[in-house]
Amino acid sequence: MTARSQATKATIERKMKDDLAAVRVEVEDETWKHAGHAGAATGGGHFTVLVVSPRFEGLNPLDRRRLVFSVLQSEMQGEIHALIVRAVPPSEWTP
């Protein structure tokens, strides 16, 4: 993991906790899986994120993902090339 991807991972975690009051956040950097990919050439990373937040209660899965993407909008302009999101409310979370 590069220093840039570590910083991006930390930013994702912080924003999910601060902006979405997430009770659980797991971020996995999968950039290494995409070496040589055209998107990787720009320096943006590939991440998978699990977010458990009460803000997702009553929202359908698409709106939950939209909320996550809205919080990470500025990072999606450069630091993040691809993001897989699993967003669930605490009432649906089973580890």
C-alpha atoms as a PDB file:
ATOM      1  CA  MET A   1       0.000   0.000   0.000  1.00  0.00           C
ATOM      2  CA  THR A   2       1.394   3.367  -0.980  1.00  0.00           C
ATOM      3  CA  ALA A   3       1.425   6.439   1.236  1.00  0.00           C
ATOM      4  CA  ARG A   4      -1.221   7.983  -1.029  1.00  0.00           C
ATOM      5  CA  SER A   5      -3.557   5.000  -0.756  1.00  0.00           C
ATOM      6  CA  GLN A   6      -3.041   4.884   3.023  1.00  0.00           C
ATOM      7  CA  ALA A   7      -4.020   8.547   3.226  1.00  0.00           C
ATOM      8  CA  THR A   8      -7.074   7.947   1.025  1.00  0.00           C
ATOM      9  CA  LYS A   9      -8.114   4.979   3.141  1.00  0.00           C
ATOM     10  CA  ALA A  10      -7.846   7.119   6.280  1.00  0.00           C
ATOM     11  CA  THR A  11      -9.885   9.883   4.645  1.00  0.00           C
ATOM     12  CA  ILE A  12     -12.632   7.435   3.670  1.00  0.00           C
ATOM     13  CA  GLU A  13     -12.769   6.060   7.215  1.00  0.00           C
ATOM     14  CA  ARG A  14     -12.851   9.545   8.774  1.00  0.00           C
ATOM     15  CA  LYS A  15     -15.556  10.861   6.460  1.00  0.00           C
ATOM     16  CA  MET A  16     -17.776   7.823   6.980  1.00  0.00           C
ATOM     17  CA  LYS A  17     -17.498   8.230  10.753  1.00  0.00           C
ATOM     18  CA  ASP A  18     -17.813  12.012  10.811  1.00  0.00           C
ATOM     19  CA  ASP A  19     -20.339  12.656   8.032  1.00  0.00           C
ATOM     20  CA  LEU A  20     -22.445   9.501   8.273  1.00  0.00           C
ATOM     21  CA  ALA A  21     -22.056   8.703  11.982  1.00  0.00           C
ATOM     22  CA  ALA A  22     -20.938   5.230  10.951  1.00  0.00           C
ATOM     23  CA  VAL A  23     -20.753   2.678  13.740  1.00  0.00           C
ATOM     24  CA  ARG A  24     -18.579   0.375  11.638  1.00  0.00           C
ATOM     25  CA  VAL A  25     -16.297   1.132   8.706  1.00  0.00           C
ATOM     26  CA  GLU A  26     -14.051  -1.301   6.863  1.00  0.00           C
ATOM     27  CA  VAL A  27     -11.981  -0.072   3.933  1.00  0.00           C
ATOM     28  CA  GLU A  28      -9.933  -2.367   1.748  1.00  0.00           C
ATOM     29  CA  ASP A  29      -7.414  -1.033  -0.744  1.00  0.00           C
ATOM     30  CA  GLU A  30      -7.644  -3.206  -3.862  1.00  0.00           C
ATOM     31  CA  THR A  31      -5.495  -1.012  -6.064  1.00  0.00           C
ATOM     32  CA  TRP A  32      -2.869  -3.738  -6.437  1.00  0.00           C
ATOM     33  CA  LYS A  33      -5.445  -5.893  -8.257  1.00  0.00           C
ATOM     34  CA  HIS A  34      -5.683  -3.299 -11.002  1.00  0.00           C
ATOM     35  CA  ALA A  35      -2.037  -2.701 -11.859  1.00  0.00           C
ATOM     36  CA  GLY A  36      -1.774  -1.845 -15.532  1.00  0.00           C
ATOM     37  CA  HIS A  37      -5.436  -0.808 -15.699  1.00  0.00           C
ATOM     38  CA  ALA A  38      -5.970   2.481 -17.568  1.00  0.00           C
ATOM     39  CA  GLY A  39      -7.589   4.074 -14.506  1.00  0.00           C
ATOM     40  CA  ALA A  40      -4.622   3.140 -12.351  1.00  0.00           C
ATOM     41  CA  ALA A  41      -2.370   5.252 -14.568  1.00  0.00           C
ATOM     42  CA  THR A  42      -3.977   8.430 -13.201  1.00  0.00           C
ATOM     43  CA  GLY A  43      -3.030   7.440  -9.660  1.00  0.00           C
ATOM     44  CA  GLY A  44      -6.561   6.932  -8.350  1.00  0.00           C
ATOM     45  CA  GLY A  45      -7.028   3.923  -6.119  1.00  0.00           C
ATOM     46  CA  HIS A  46      -9.548   1.103  -6.114  1.00  0.00           C
ATOM     47  CA  PHE A  47     -11.306   0.614  -2.780  1.00  0.00           C
ATOM     48  CA  THR A  48     -14.039  -1.516  -1.253  1.00  0.00           C
ATOM     49  CA  VAL A  49     -15.895  -0.066   1.720  1.00  0.00           C
ATOM     50  CA  LEU A  50     -18.368  -1.463   4.223  1.00  0.00           C
ATOM     51  CA  VAL A  51     -20.296   1.218   6.094  1.00  0.00           C
ATOM     52  CA  VAL A  52     -22.827   0.554   8.852  1.00  0.00           C
ATOM     53  CA  SER A  53     -24.692   3.743   9.673  1.00  0.00           C
ATOM     54  CA  PRO A  54     -28.015   4.708  11.229  1.00  0.00           C
ATOM     55  CA  ARG A  55     -28.283   7.297   8.439  1.00  0.00           C
ATOM     56  CA  PHE A  56     -29.145   4.403   6.098  1.00  0.00           C
ATOM     57  CA  GLU A  57     -32.294   3.417   8.013  1.00  0.00           C
ATOM     58  CA  GLY A  58     -35.302   3.714   5.710  1.00  0.00           C
ATOM     59  CA  LEU A  59     -33.196   4.172   2.571  1.00  0.00           C
ATOM     60  CA  ASN A  60     -33.109   1.688  -0.281  1.00  0.00           C
ATOM     61  CA  PRO A  61     -29.706   0.228  -1.233  1.00  0.00           C
ATOM     62  CA  LEU A  62     -29.213   2.607  -4.161  1.00  0.00           C
ATOM     63  CA  ASP A  63     -29.870   5.697  -2.035  1.00  0.00           C
ATOM     64  CA  ARG A  64     -27.469   4.393   0.610  1.00  0.00           C
ATOM     65  CA  ARG A  65     -24.688   4.123  -1.977  1.00  0.00           C
ATOM     66  CA  ARG A  66     -25.557   7.548  -3.362  1.00  0.00           C
ATOM     67  CA  LEU A  67     -25.158   8.989   0.119  1.00  0.00           C
ATOM     68  CA  VAL A  68     -21.696   7.428   0.471  1.00  0.00           C
ATOM     69  CA  PHE A  69     -20.652   8.717  -2.958  1.00  0.00           C
ATOM     70  CA  SER A  70     -21.914  12.218  -2.113  1.00  0.00           C
ATOM     71  CA  VAL A  71     -19.745  12.280   1.010  1.00  0.00           C
ATOM     72  CA  LEU A  72     -16.706  11.172  -1.024  1.00  0.00           C
ATOM     73  CA  GLN A  73     -17.416  13.390  -4.022  1.00  0.00           C
ATOM     74  CA  SER A  74     -14.148  15.348  -3.863  1.00  0.00           C
ATOM     75  CA  GLU A  75     -12.057  12.169  -3.470  1.00  0.00           C
ATOM     76  CA  MET A  76     -13.799  10.640  -6.501  1.00  0.00           C
ATOM     77  CA  GLN A  77     -12.216  13.430  -8.578  1.00  0.00           C
ATOM     78  CA  GLY A  78      -8.715  12.022  -8.133  1.00  0.00           C
ATOM     79  CA  GLU A  79      -7.773   9.924  -5.106  1.00  0.00           C
ATOM     80  CA  ILE A  80     -10.438   7.280  -5.780  1.00  0.00           C
ATOM     81  CA  HIS A  81     -10.784   5.777  -9.244  1.00  0.00           C
ATOM     82  CA  ALA A  82     -13.163   2.974  -8.313  1.00  0.00           C
ATOM     83  CA  LEU A  83     -15.250   2.322  -5.208  1.00  0.00           C
ATOM     84  CA  ILE A  84     -17.352  -0.695  -4.293  1.00  0.00           C
ATOM     85  CA  VAL A  85     -19.812   0.178  -1.536  1.00  0.00           C
ATOM     86  CA  ARG A  86     -21.699  -2.025   0.886  1.00  0.00           C
ATOM     87  CA  ALA A  87     -23.886   0.315   2.934  1.00  0.00           C
ATOM     88  CA  VAL A  88     -26.189  -1.108   5.593  1.00  0.00           C
ATOM     89  CA  PRO A  89     -28.159   0.247   8.525  1.00  0.00           C
ATOM     90  CA  PRO A  90     -27.464  -1.247  11.972  1.00  0.00           C
ATOM     91  CA  SER A  91     -30.831  -3.038  11.897  1.00  0.00           C
ATOM     92  CA  GLU A  92     -29.648  -5.119   8.899  1.00  0.00           C
ATOM     93  CA  TRP A  93     -26.025  -5.621   9.942  1.00  0.00           C
ATOM     94  CA  THR A  94     -24.847  -9.121  10.746  1.00  0.00           C
ATOM     95  CA  PRO A  95     -21.087  -9.605  10.996  1.00  0.00           C
END
